[in-house]
PDB file of N, CA and C in Angstrom:
ATOM      1  N   MET A   1     195.044 -45.453 128.395  1.00  0.00           N
ATOM      2  CA  MET A   1     196.301 -44.885 128.764  1.00  0.00           C
ATOM      3  C   MET A   1     196.095 -44.214 130.118  1.00  0.00           C
ATOM      4  N   LEU A   2     197.080 -44.299 130.986  1.00  0.00           N
ATOM      5  CA  LEU A   2     196.999 -43.718 132.322  1.00  0.00           C
ATOM      6  C   LEU A   2     197.731 -42.383 132.308  1.00  0.00           C
ATOM      7  N   VAL A   3     197.002 -41.317 132.633  1.00  0.00           N
ATOM      8  CA  VAL A   3     197.575 -39.967 132.595  1.00  0.00           C
ATOM      9  C   VAL A   3     197.169 -39.188 133.841  1.00  0.00           C
ATOM     10  N   GLN A   4     197.814 -38.055 134.038  1.00  0.00           N
ATOM     11  CA  GLN A   4     197.466 -37.167 135.147  1.00  0.00           C
ATOM     12  C   GLN A   4     196.001 -36.744 134.996  1.00  0.00           C
ATOM     13  N   ARG A   5     195.264 -36.709 136.090  1.00  0.00           N
ATOM     14  CA  ARG A   5     193.823 -36.432 136.045  1.00  0.00           C
ATOM     15  C   ARG A   5     193.511 -35.104 135.349  1.00  0.00           C
ATOM     16  N   GLU A   6     194.256 -34.067 135.645  1.00  0.00           N
ATOM     17  CA  GLU A   6     194.017 -32.764 135.010  1.00  0.00           C
ATOM     18  C   GLU A   6     194.184 -32.865 133.490  1.00  0.00           C
ATOM     19  N   PHE A   7     195.190 -33.599 133.043  1.00  0.00           N
ATOM     20  CA  PHE A   7     195.419 -33.795 131.611  1.00  0.00           C
ATOM     21  C   PHE A   7     194.246 -34.540 130.987  1.00  0.00           C
ATOM     22  N   ALA A   8     193.732 -35.554 131.671  1.00  0.00           N
ATOM     23  CA  ALA A   8     192.584 -36.315 131.168  1.00  0.00           C
ATOM     24  C   ALA A   8     191.368 -35.413 131.006  1.00  0.00           C
ATOM     25  N   ARG A   9     191.132 -34.532 131.973  1.00  0.00           N
ATOM     26  CA  ARG A   9     189.989 -33.611 131.891  1.00  0.00           C
ATOM     27  C   ARG A   9     190.135 -32.689 130.681  1.00  0.00           C
ATOM     28  N   ARG A  10     191.352 -32.238 130.420  1.00  0.00           N
ATOM     29  CA  ARG A  10     191.586 -31.385 129.252  1.00  0.00           C
ATOM     30  C   ARG A  10     191.387 -32.170 127.956  1.00  0.00           C
ATOM     31  N   LEU A  11     191.800 -33.417 127.961  1.00  0.00           N
ATOM     32  CA  LEU A  11     191.695 -34.254 126.769  1.00  0.00           C
ATOM     33  C   LEU A  11     190.245 -34.467 126.354  1.00  0.00           C
ATOM     34  N   VAL A  12     189.339 -34.601 127.296  1.00  0.00           N
ATOM     35  CA  VAL A  12     187.928 -34.823 126.974  1.00  0.00           C
ATOM     36  C   VAL A  12     187.117 -33.528 127.022  1.00  0.00           C
ATOM     37  N   GLY A  13     187.780 -32.401 127.244  1.00  0.00           N
ATOM     38  CA  GLY A  13     187.089 -31.114 127.335  1.00  0.00           C
ATOM     39  C   GLY A  13     186.343 -30.765 126.056  1.00  0.00           C
ATOM     40  N   ALA A  14     185.151 -30.223 126.210  1.00  0.00           N
ATOM     41  CA  ALA A  14     184.322 -29.848 125.064  1.00  0.00           C
ATOM     42  C   ALA A  14     184.718 -28.471 124.540  1.00  0.00           C
ATOM     43  N   PRO A  15     184.540 -28.225 123.235  1.00  0.00           N
ATOM     44  CA  PRO A  15     184.817 -26.893 122.697  1.00  0.00           C
ATOM     45  C   PRO A  15     184.025 -25.833 123.451  1.00  0.00           C
ATOM     46  N   GLY A  16     184.672 -24.712 123.721  1.00  0.00           N
ATOM     47  CA  GLY A  16     184.024 -23.634 124.459  1.00  0.00           C
ATOM     48  C   GLY A  16     184.189 -23.756 125.959  1.00  0.00           C
ATOM     49  N   HIS A  17     184.648 -24.895 126.425  1.00  0.00           N
ATOM     50  CA  HIS A  17     184.880 -25.121 127.848  1.00  0.00           C
ATOM     51  C   HIS A  17     186.278 -24.642 128.189  1.00  0.00           C
ATOM     52  N   GLY A  18     186.478 -24.141 129.376  1.00  0.00           N
ATOM     53  CA  GLY A  18     187.763 -23.594 129.784  1.00  0.00           C
ATOM     54  C   GLY A  18     188.917 -24.576 129.710  1.00  0.00           C
ATOM     55  N   GLU A  19     188.641 -25.867 129.833  1.00  0.00           N
ATOM     56  CA  GLU A  19     189.705 -26.863 129.803  1.00  0.00           C
ATOM     57  C   GLU A  19     190.010 -27.367 128.400  1.00  0.00           C
ATOM     58  N   HIS A  20     189.229 -26.960 127.406  1.00  0.00           N
ATOM     59  CA  HIS A  20     189.456 -27.409 126.028  1.00  0.00           C
ATOM     60  C   HIS A  20     190.755 -26.801 125.508  1.00  0.00           C
ATOM     61  N   ASN A  21     191.559 -27.602 124.805  1.00  0.00           N
ATOM     62  CA  ASN A  21     192.827 -27.101 124.284  1.00  0.00           C
ATOM     63  C   ASN A  21     193.096 -27.689 122.904  1.00  0.00           C
ATOM     64  N   HIS A  22     194.271 -27.362 122.345  1.00  0.00           N
ATOM     65  CA  HIS A  22     194.546 -27.834 120.988  1.00  0.00           C
ATOM     66  C   HIS A  22     194.687 -29.354 120.921  1.00  0.00           C
ATOM     67  N   LEU A  23     195.136 -29.977 121.976  1.00  0.00           N
ATOM     68  CA  LEU A  23     195.228 -31.436 121.976  1.00  0.00           C
ATOM     69  C   LEU A  23     193.833 -32.059 121.870  1.00  0.00           C
ATOM     70  N   ALA A  24     192.877 -31.540 122.632  1.00  0.00           N
ATOM     71  CA  ALA A  24     191.503 -32.052 122.573  1.00  0.00           C
ATOM     72  C   ALA A  24     190.922 -31.863 121.173  1.00  0.00           C
ATOM     73  N   THR A  25     191.232 -30.729 120.545  1.00  0.00           N
ATOM     74  CA  THR A  25     190.766 -30.477 119.180  1.00  0.00           C
ATOM     75  C   THR A  25     191.367 -31.490 118.215  1.00  0.00           C
ATOM     76  N   ASN A  26     192.652 -31.761 118.364  1.00  0.00           N
ATOM     77  CA  ASN A  26     193.312 -32.720 117.479  1.00  0.00           C
ATOM     78  C   ASN A  26     192.779 -34.134 117.685  1.00  0.00           C
ATOM     79  N   VAL A  27     192.489 -34.503 118.911  1.00  0.00           N
ATOM     80  CA  VAL A  27     191.933 -35.831 119.182  1.00  0.00           C
ATOM     81  C   VAL A  27     190.559 -35.964 118.530  1.00  0.00           C
ATOM     82  N   ARG A  28     189.778 -34.897 118.532  1.00  0.00           N
ATOM     83  CA  ARG A  28     188.453 -34.930 117.912  1.00  0.00           C
ATOM     84  C   ARG A  28     188.531 -35.211 116.412  1.00  0.00           C
ATOM     85  N   LEU A  29     189.645 -34.865 115.793  1.00  0.00           N
ATOM     86  CA  LEU A  29     189.806 -35.117 114.361  1.00  0.00           C
ATOM     87  C   LEU A  29     189.958 -36.608 114.066  1.00  0.00           C
ATOM     88  N   VAL A  30     190.604 -37.334 114.956  1.00  0.00           N
ATOM     89  CA  VAL A  30     190.934 -38.731 114.664  1.00  0.00           C
ATOM     90  C   VAL A  30     190.176 -39.754 115.508  1.00  0.00           C
ATOM     91  N   ALA A  31     189.418 -39.320 116.512  1.00  0.00           N
ATOM     92  CA  ALA A  31     188.703 -40.262 117.377  1.00  0.00           C
ATOM     93  C   ALA A  31     187.322 -40.580 116.804  1.00  0.00           C
ATOM     94  N   VAL A  32     186.837 -41.762 117.116  1.00  0.00           N
ATOM     95  CA  VAL A  32     185.534 -42.236 116.652  1.00  0.00           C
ATOM     96  C   VAL A  32     184.418 -41.430 117.305  1.00  0.00           C
ATOM     97  N   THR A  33     183.352 -41.162 116.548  1.00  0.00           N
ATOM     98  CA  THR A  33     182.154 -40.570 117.138  1.00  0.00           C
ATOM     99  C   THR A  33     181.044 -41.609 117.108  1.00  0.00           C
ATOM    100  N   VAL A  34     180.295 -41.668 118.184  1.00  0.00           N
ATOM    101  CA  VAL A  34     179.165 -42.596 118.266  1.00  0.00           C
ATOM    102  C   VAL A  34     177.994 -41.862 118.899  1.00  0.00           C
ATOM    103  N   PRO A  35     176.760 -42.147 118.447  1.00  0.00           N
ATOM    104  CA  PRO A  35     175.617 -41.479 119.066  1.00  0.00           C
ATOM    105  C   PRO A  35     175.342 -42.027 120.460  1.00  0.00           C
ATOM    106  N   LEU A  36     175.056 -41.114 121.395  1.00  0.00           N
ATOM    107  CA  LEU A  36     174.664 -41.534 122.743  1.00  0.00           C
ATOM    108  C   LEU A  36     173.238 -42.053 122.730  1.00  0.00           C
ATOM    109  N   ALA A  37     172.375 -41.321 122.045  1.00  0.00           N
ATOM    110  CA  ALA A  37     170.966 -41.692 121.928  1.00  0.00           C
ATOM    111  C   ALA A  37     170.434 -41.002 120.679  1.00  0.00           C
ATOM    112  N   VAL A  38     169.241 -41.331 120.304  1.00  0.00           N
ATOM    113  CA  VAL A  38     168.668 -40.763 119.084  1.00  0.00           C
ATOM    114  C   VAL A  38     168.566 -39.245 119.172  1.00  0.00           C
ATOM    115  N   ALA A  39     168.200 -38.713 120.322  1.00  0.00           N
ATOM    116  CA  ALA A  39     167.957 -37.276 120.458  1.00  0.00           C
ATOM    117  C   ALA A  39     169.214 -36.458 120.743  1.00  0.00           C
ATOM    118  N   THR A  40     170.356 -37.090 120.917  1.00  0.00           N
ATOM    119  CA  THR A  40     171.559 -36.340 121.263  1.00  0.00           C
ATOM    120  C   THR A  40     172.558 -36.354 120.116  1.00  0.00           C
ATOM    121  N   PRO A  41     173.414 -35.328 120.041  1.00  0.00           N
ATOM    122  CA  PRO A  41     174.432 -35.317 118.992  1.00  0.00           C
ATOM    123  C   PRO A  41     175.485 -36.391 119.260  1.00  0.00           C
ATOM    124  N   PRO A  42     176.255 -36.756 118.231  1.00  0.00           N
ATOM    125  CA  PRO A  42     177.289 -37.761 118.456  1.00  0.00           C
ATOM    126  C   PRO A  42     178.352 -37.261 119.418  1.00  0.00           C
ATOM    127  N   ARG A  43     178.988 -38.189 120.110  1.00  0.00           N
ATOM    128  CA  ARG A  43     180.064 -37.817 121.011  1.00  0.00           C
ATOM    129  C   ARG A  43     181.300 -38.621 120.657  1.00  0.00           C
ATOM    130  N   LEU A  44     182.417 -38.169 121.145  1.00  0.00           N
ATOM    131  CA  LEU A  44     183.666 -38.854 120.866  1.00  0.00           C
ATOM    132  C   LEU A  44     183.824 -40.095 121.712  1.00  0.00           C
ATOM    133  N   GLU A  45     184.539 -41.036 121.173  1.00  0.00           N
ATOM    134  CA  GLU A  45     184.924 -42.200 121.964  1.00  0.00           C
ATOM    135  C   GLU A  45     186.257 -41.887 122.628  1.00  0.00           C
ATOM    136  N   VAL A  46     186.265 -40.816 123.385  1.00  0.00           N
ATOM    137  CA  VAL A  46     187.396 -40.477 124.241  1.00  0.00           C
ATOM    138  C   VAL A  46     186.789 -40.445 125.629  1.00  0.00           C
ATOM    139  N   LEU A  47     187.077 -41.458 126.400  1.00  0.00           N
ATOM    140  CA  LEU A  47     186.389 -41.635 127.670  1.00  0.00           C
ATOM    141  C   LEU A  47     187.362 -41.710 128.830  1.00  0.00           C
ATOM    142  N   ILE A  48     186.964 -41.126 129.945  1.00  0.00           N
ATOM    143  CA  ILE A  48     187.686 -41.369 131.185  1.00  0.00           C
ATOM    144  C   ILE A  48     187.047 -42.623 131.777  1.00  0.00           C
ATOM    145  N   VAL A  49     187.775 -43.716 131.733  1.00  0.00           N
ATOM    146  CA  VAL A  49     187.261 -45.016 132.161  1.00  0.00           C
ATOM    147  C   VAL A  49     187.222 -45.111 133.677  1.00  0.00           C
ATOM    148  N   ALA A  50     188.269 -44.606 134.334  1.00  0.00           N
ATOM    149  CA  ALA A  50     188.338 -44.683 135.795  1.00  0.00           C
ATOM    150  C   ALA A  50     189.328 -43.657 136.316  1.00  0.00           C
ATOM    151  N   ASP A  51     189.074 -43.194 137.516  1.00  0.00           N
ATOM    152  CA  ASP A  51     190.029 -42.340 138.216  1.00  0.00           C
ATOM    153  C   ASP A  51     190.846 -43.224 139.152  1.00  0.00           C
ATOM    154  N   VAL A  52     192.132 -42.921 139.248  1.00  0.00           N
ATOM    155  CA  VAL A  52     193.037 -43.699 140.091  1.00  0.00           C
ATOM    156  C   VAL A  52     193.665 -42.748 141.103  1.00  0.00           C
ATOM    157  N   ARG A  53     193.509 -43.075 142.378  1.00  0.00           N
ATOM    158  CA  ARG A  53     194.042 -42.213 143.438  1.00  0.00           C
ATOM    159  C   ARG A  53     195.557 -42.316 143.508  1.00  0.00           C
ATOM    160  N   LYS A  54     196.180 -41.223 143.888  1.00  0.00           N
ATOM    161  CA  LYS A  54     197.641 -41.247 144.031  1.00  0.00           C
ATOM    162  C   LYS A  54     198.074 -42.231 145.112  1.00  0.00           C
ATOM    163  N   ALA A  55     197.208 -42.467 146.099  1.00  0.00           N
ATOM    164  CA  ALA A  55     197.526 -43.404 147.187  1.00  0.00           C
ATOM    165  C   ALA A  55     197.610 -44.853 146.700  1.00  0.00           C
ATOM    166  N   ASP A  56     197.117 -45.117 145.474  1.00  0.00           N
ATOM    167  CA  ASP A  56     197.168 -46.473 144.924  1.00  0.00           C
ATOM    168  C   ASP A  56     198.534 -46.826 144.337  1.00  0.00           C
ATOM    169  N   PHE A  57     199.460 -45.870 144.317  1.00  0.00           N
ATOM    170  CA  PHE A  57     200.791 -46.092 143.750  1.00  0.00           C
ATOM    171  C   PHE A  57     201.850 -46.145 144.844  1.00  0.00           C
ATOM    172  N   VAL A  58     202.908 -46.890 144.581  1.00  0.00           N
ATOM    173  CA  VAL A  58     204.065 -46.924 145.481  1.00  0.00           C
ATOM    174  C   VAL A  58     205.300 -46.739 144.611  1.00  0.00           C
ATOM    175  N   PRO A  59     206.085 -45.706 144.818  1.00  0.00           N
ATOM    176  CA  PRO A  59     205.857 -44.615 145.757  1.00  0.00           C
ATOM    177  C   PRO A  59     204.708 -43.723 145.282  1.00  0.00           C
ATOM    178  N   MET A  60     204.094 -43.023 146.217  1.00  0.00           N
ATOM    179  CA  MET A  60     202.927 -42.208 145.921  1.00  0.00           C
ATOM    180  C   MET A  60     203.335 -40.939 145.167  1.00  0.00           C
ATOM    181  N   PRO A  61     202.740 -40.688 143.977  1.00  0.00           N
ATOM    182  CA  PRO A  61     203.030 -39.451 143.249  1.00  0.00           C
ATOM    183  C   PRO A  61     202.324 -38.261 143.888  1.00  0.00           C
ATOM    184  N   VAL A  62     202.560 -37.090 143.344  1.00  0.00           N
ATOM    185  CA  VAL A  62     201.961 -35.863 143.870  1.00  0.00           C
ATOM    186  C   VAL A  62     200.519 -35.700 143.384  1.00  0.00           C
ATOM    187  N   VAL A  63     200.186 -36.280 142.225  1.00  0.00           N
ATOM    188  CA  VAL A  63     198.883 -36.048 141.597  1.00  0.00           C
ATOM    189  C   VAL A  63     198.087 -37.341 141.448  1.00  0.00           C
ATOM    190  N   ASP A  64     196.763 -37.183 141.287  1.00  0.00           N
ATOM    191  CA  ASP A  64     195.885 -38.306 140.974  1.00  0.00           C
ATOM    192  C   ASP A  64     195.942 -38.571 139.471  1.00  0.00           C
ATOM    193  N   SER A  65     195.484 -39.742 139.055  1.00  0.00           N
ATOM    194  CA  SER A  65     195.533 -40.135 137.647  1.00  0.00           C
ATOM    195  C   SER A  65     194.154 -40.551 137.161  1.00  0.00           C
ATOM    196  N   SER A  66     194.027 -40.655 135.841  1.00  0.00           N
ATOM    197  CA  SER A  66     192.810 -41.175 135.223  1.00  0.00           C
ATOM    198  C   SER A  66     193.198 -42.125 134.102  1.00  0.00           C
ATOM    199  N   LEU A  67     192.391 -43.168 133.944  1.00  0.00           N
ATOM    200  CA  LEU A  67     192.572 -44.109 132.848  1.00  0.00           C
ATOM    201  C   LEU A  67     191.691 -43.636 131.697  1.00  0.00           C
ATOM    202  N   VAL A  68     192.310 -43.351 130.552  1.00  0.00           N
ATOM    203  CA  VAL A  68     191.600 -42.790 129.403  1.00  0.00           C
ATOM    204  C   VAL A  68     191.608 -43.801 128.262  1.00  0.00           C
ATOM    205  N   GLU A  69     190.458 -43.949 127.606  1.00  0.00           N
ATOM    206  CA  GLU A  69     190.353 -44.804 126.421  1.00  0.00           C
ATOM    207  C   GLU A  69     190.055 -43.920 125.223  1.00  0.00           C
ATOM    208  N   ILE A  70     190.821 -44.102 124.147  1.00  0.00           N
ATOM    209  CA  ILE A  70     190.596 -43.362 122.901  1.00  0.00           C
ATOM    210  C   ILE A  70     190.420 -44.387 121.791  1.00  0.00           C
ATOM    211  N   ARG A  71     189.272 -44.365 121.145  1.00  0.00           N
ATOM    212  CA  ARG A  71     189.028 -45.255 120.003  1.00  0.00           C
ATOM    213  C   ARG A  71     189.235 -44.441 118.728  1.00  0.00           C
ATOM    214  N   MET A  72     190.161 -44.891 117.926  1.00  0.00           N
ATOM    215  CA  MET A  72     190.529 -44.161 116.719  1.00  0.00           C
ATOM    216  C   MET A  72     189.589 -44.486 115.562  1.00  0.00           C
ATOM    217  N   LYS A  73     189.399 -43.494 114.675  1.00  0.00           N
ATOM    218  CA  LYS A  73     188.648 -43.722 113.450  1.00  0.00           C
ATOM    219  C   LYS A  73     189.443 -44.667 112.560  1.00  0.00           C
ATOM    220  N   GLU A  74     188.726 -45.495 111.820  1.00  0.00           N
ATOM    221  CA  GLU A  74     189.405 -46.403 110.897  1.00  0.00           C
ATOM    222  C   GLU A  74     189.891 -45.669 109.657  1.00  0.00           C
ATOM    223  N   VAL A  75     189.194 -44.597 109.291  1.00  0.00           N
ATOM    224  CA  VAL A  75     189.540 -43.836 108.094  1.00  0.00           C
ATOM    225  C   VAL A  75     189.793 -42.390 108.497  1.00  0.00           C
ATOM    226  N   ARG A  76     190.884 -41.829 108.006  1.00  0.00           N
ATOM    227  CA  ARG A  76     191.169 -40.418 108.285  1.00  0.00           C
ATOM    228  C   ARG A  76     190.209 -39.534 107.491  1.00  0.00           C
ATOM    229  N   PRO A  77     189.913 -38.342 108.008  1.00  0.00           N
ATOM    230  CA  PRO A  77     189.065 -37.410 107.260  1.00  0.00           C
ATOM    231  C   PRO A  77     189.711 -37.088 105.909  1.00  0.00           C
ATOM    232  N   PRO A  78     188.935 -37.130 104.815  1.00  0.00           N
ATOM    233  CA  PRO A  78     189.511 -36.893 103.491  1.00  0.00           C
ATOM    234  C   PRO A  78     189.942 -35.439 103.298  1.00  0.00           C
ATOM    235  N   GLY A  79     191.001 -35.260 102.534  1.00  0.00           N
ATOM    236  CA  GLY A  79     191.430 -33.917 102.156  1.00  0.00           C
ATOM    237  C   GLY A  79     192.092 -33.113 103.251  1.00  0.00           C
ATOM    238  N   ILE A  80     192.459 -33.732 104.356  1.00  0.00           N
ATOM    239  CA  ILE A  80     193.074 -32.994 105.452  1.00  0.00           C
ATOM    240  C   ILE A  80     194.492 -33.509 105.668  1.00  0.00           C
ATOM    241  N   SER A  81     195.449 -32.599 105.542  1.00  0.00           N
ATOM    242  CA  SER A  81     196.829 -32.934 105.875  1.00  0.00           C
ATOM    243  C   SER A  81     196.973 -32.795 107.387  1.00  0.00           C
ATOM    244  N   LEU A  82     197.314 -33.872 108.061  1.00  0.00           N
ATOM    245  CA  LEU A  82     197.417 -33.819 109.522  1.00  0.00           C
ATOM    246  C   LEU A  82     198.494 -32.839 109.969  1.00  0.00           C
ATOM    247  N   ASP A  83     199.608 -32.774 109.248  1.00  0.00           N
ATOM    248  CA  ASP A  83     200.666 -31.828 109.615  1.00  0.00           C
ATOM    249  C   ASP A  83     200.162 -30.389 109.554  1.00  0.00           C
ATOM    250  N   GLU A  84     199.445 -30.051 108.470  1.00  0.00           N
ATOM    251  CA  GLU A  84     198.893 -28.697 108.344  1.00  0.00           C
ATOM    252  C   GLU A  84     197.837 -28.440 109.410  1.00  0.00           C
ATOM    253  N   TRP A  85     196.997 -29.430 109.697  1.00  0.00           N
ATOM    254  CA  TRP A  85     195.959 -29.285 110.726  1.00  0.00           C
ATOM    255  C   TRP A  85     196.577 -29.028 112.095  1.00  0.00           C
ATOM    256  N   PHE A  86     197.592 -29.827 112.455  1.00  0.00           N
ATOM    257  CA  PHE A  86     198.241 -29.669 113.757  1.00  0.00           C
ATOM    258  C   PHE A  86     198.900 -28.298 113.872  1.00  0.00           C
ATOM    259  N   GLU A  87     199.521 -27.839 112.790  1.00  0.00           N
ATOM    260  CA  GLU A  87     200.141 -26.511 112.796  1.00  0.00           C
ATOM    261  C   GLU A  87     199.071 -25.432 112.969  1.00  0.00           C
ATOM    262  N   PHE A  88     197.949 -25.580 112.263  1.00  0.00           N
ATOM    263  CA  PHE A  88     196.846 -24.623 112.354  1.00  0.00           C
ATOM    264  C   PHE A  88     196.300 -24.534 113.780  1.00  0.00           C
ATOM    265  N   THR A  89     196.020 -25.683 114.402  1.00  0.00           N
ATOM    266  CA  THR A  89     195.472 -25.646 115.762  1.00  0.00           C
ATOM    267  C   THR A  89     196.496 -25.129 116.764  1.00  0.00           C
ATOM    268  N   HIS A  90     197.770 -25.426 116.531  1.00  0.00           N
ATOM    269  CA  HIS A  90     198.817 -24.908 117.421  1.00  0.00           C
ATOM    270  C   HIS A  90     198.849 -23.383 117.376  1.00  0.00           C
ATOM    271  N   VAL A  91     198.750 -22.818 116.172  1.00  0.00           N
ATOM    272  CA  VAL A  91     198.743 -21.357 116.025  1.00  0.00           C
ATOM    273  C   VAL A  91     197.493 -20.768 116.675  1.00  0.00           C
ATOM    274  N   CYS A  92     196.332 -21.370 116.409  1.00  0.00           N
ATOM    275  CA  CYS A  92     195.073 -20.847 116.970  1.00  0.00           C
ATOM    276  C   CYS A  92     195.091 -20.849 118.492  1.00  0.00           C
ATOM    277  N   PHE A  93     195.448 -21.961 119.079  1.00  0.00           N
ATOM    278  CA  PHE A  93     195.438 -22.047 120.532  1.00  0.00           C
ATOM    279  C   PHE A  93     196.616 -21.318 121.145  1.00  0.00           C
ATOM    280  N   GLY A  94     197.721 -21.196 120.420  1.00  0.00           N
ATOM    281  CA  GLY A  94     198.861 -20.430 120.919  1.00  0.00           C
ATOM    282  C   GLY A  94     198.494 -18.974 121.109  1.00  0.00           C
ATOM    283  N   LYS A  95     197.744 -18.409 120.156  1.00  0.00           N
ATOM    284  CA  LYS A  95     197.299 -17.016 120.271  1.00  0.00           C
ATOM    285  C   LYS A  95     196.310 -16.872 121.421  1.00  0.00           C
ATOM    286  N   HIS A  96     195.444 -17.852 121.593  1.00  0.00           N
ATOM    287  CA  HIS A  96     194.482 -17.820 122.702  1.00  0.00           C
ATOM    288  C   HIS A  96     195.216 -17.838 124.042  1.00  0.00           C
ATOM    289  N   GLN A  97     196.225 -18.696 124.151  1.00  0.00           N
ATOM    290  CA  GLN A  97     196.987 -18.788 125.397  1.00  0.00           C
ATOM    291  C   GLN A  97     197.740 -17.496 125.668  1.00  0.00           C
ATOM    292  N   LEU A  98     198.273 -16.868 124.622  1.00  0.00           N
ATOM    293  CA  LEU A  98     198.976 -15.598 124.782  1.00  0.00           C
ATOM    294  C   LEU A  98     198.023 -14.528 125.298  1.00  0.00           C
ATOM    295  N   GLN A  99     196.797 -14.480 124.753  1.00  0.00           N
ATOM    296  CA  GLN A  99     195.798 -13.515 125.218  1.00  0.00           C
ATOM    297  C   GLN A  99     195.449 -13.759 126.681  1.00  0.00           C
ATOM    298  N   GLN A 100     195.324 -15.020 127.079  1.00  0.00           N
ATOM    299  CA  GLN A 100     195.002 -15.340 128.468  1.00  0.00           C
ATOM    300  C   GLN A 100     196.110 -14.893 129.411  1.00  0.00           C
ATOM    301  N   ARG A 101     197.365 -15.086 129.013  1.00  0.00           N
ATOM    302  CA  ARG A 101     198.490 -14.651 129.850  1.00  0.00           C
ATOM    303  C   ARG A 101     198.512 -13.138 129.998  1.00  0.00           C
ATOM    304  N   LYS A 102     198.213 -12.421 128.905  1.00  0.00           N
ATOM    305  CA  LYS A 102     198.191 -10.955 128.966  1.00  0.00           C
ATOM    306  C   LYS A 102     197.099 -10.474 129.916  1.00  0.00           C
ATOM    307  N   LYS A 103     195.931 -11.119 129.884  1.00  0.00           N
ATOM    308  CA  LYS A 103     194.835 -10.751 130.786  1.00  0.00           C
ATOM    309  C   LYS A 103     195.237 -10.967 132.238  1.00  0.00           C
ATOM    310  N   LYS A 104     195.877 -12.097 132.534  1.00  0.00           N
ATOM    311  CA  LYS A 104     196.316 -12.377 133.901  1.00  0.00           C
ATOM    312  C   LYS A 104     197.346 -11.360 134.358  1.00  0.00           C
ATOM    313  N   LYS A 105     198.244 -10.987 133.463  1.00  0.00           N
ATOM    314  CA  LYS A 105     199.290 -10.024 133.800  1.00  0.00           C
ATOM    315  C   LYS A 105     198.673  -8.663 134.129  1.00  0.00           C
ATOM    316  N   LYS A 106     197.656  -8.244 133.359  1.00  0.00           N
ATOM    317  CA  LYS A 106     196.980  -6.965 133.609  1.00  0.00           C
ATOM    318  C   LYS A 106     196.262  -6.989 134.956  1.00  0.00           C
ATOM    319  N   ARG A 107     195.651  -8.115 135.302  1.00  0.00           N
ATOM    320  CA  ARG A 107     194.939  -8.224 136.579  1.00  0.00           C
ATOM    321  C   ARG A 107     195.889  -8.103 137.761  1.00  0.00           C
ATOM    322  N   ARG A 108     197.091  -8.640 137.605  1.00  0.00           N
ATOM    323  CA  ARG A 108     198.076  -8.577 138.687  1.00  0.00           C
ATOM    324  C   ARG A 108     198.614  -7.168 138.890  1.00  0.00           C
ATOM    325  N   ALA A 109     198.632  -6.388 137.823  1.00  0.00           N
ATOM    326  CA  ALA A 109     199.204  -5.026 137.910  1.00  0.00           C
ATOM    327  C   ALA A 109     198.272  -4.050 138.585  1.00  0.00           C
TER     328      ALA A 109
END
């Protein structure tokens, strides 16, 4: 799928990284994991396949893009209601985003 480059970076962002968000968490629930090598932990099959410059489009957009590949798991995780999971992550990250906005507001004052 072709998306804005910043969005692609957030989509593949690792937990604990500043760009990680609730969408990346939700993708981790349904995307395939494959080992990179014997000594490394498994990683998601959510890959940025290529970056596409804005100059490659006519008319030229304001932002650059990235081509992202997501390989889905064949079987959903057992015992997890996706609706409840999505609501849970939305609440968790919503509170995090609210805290970040409050911190920025205090810095400006």
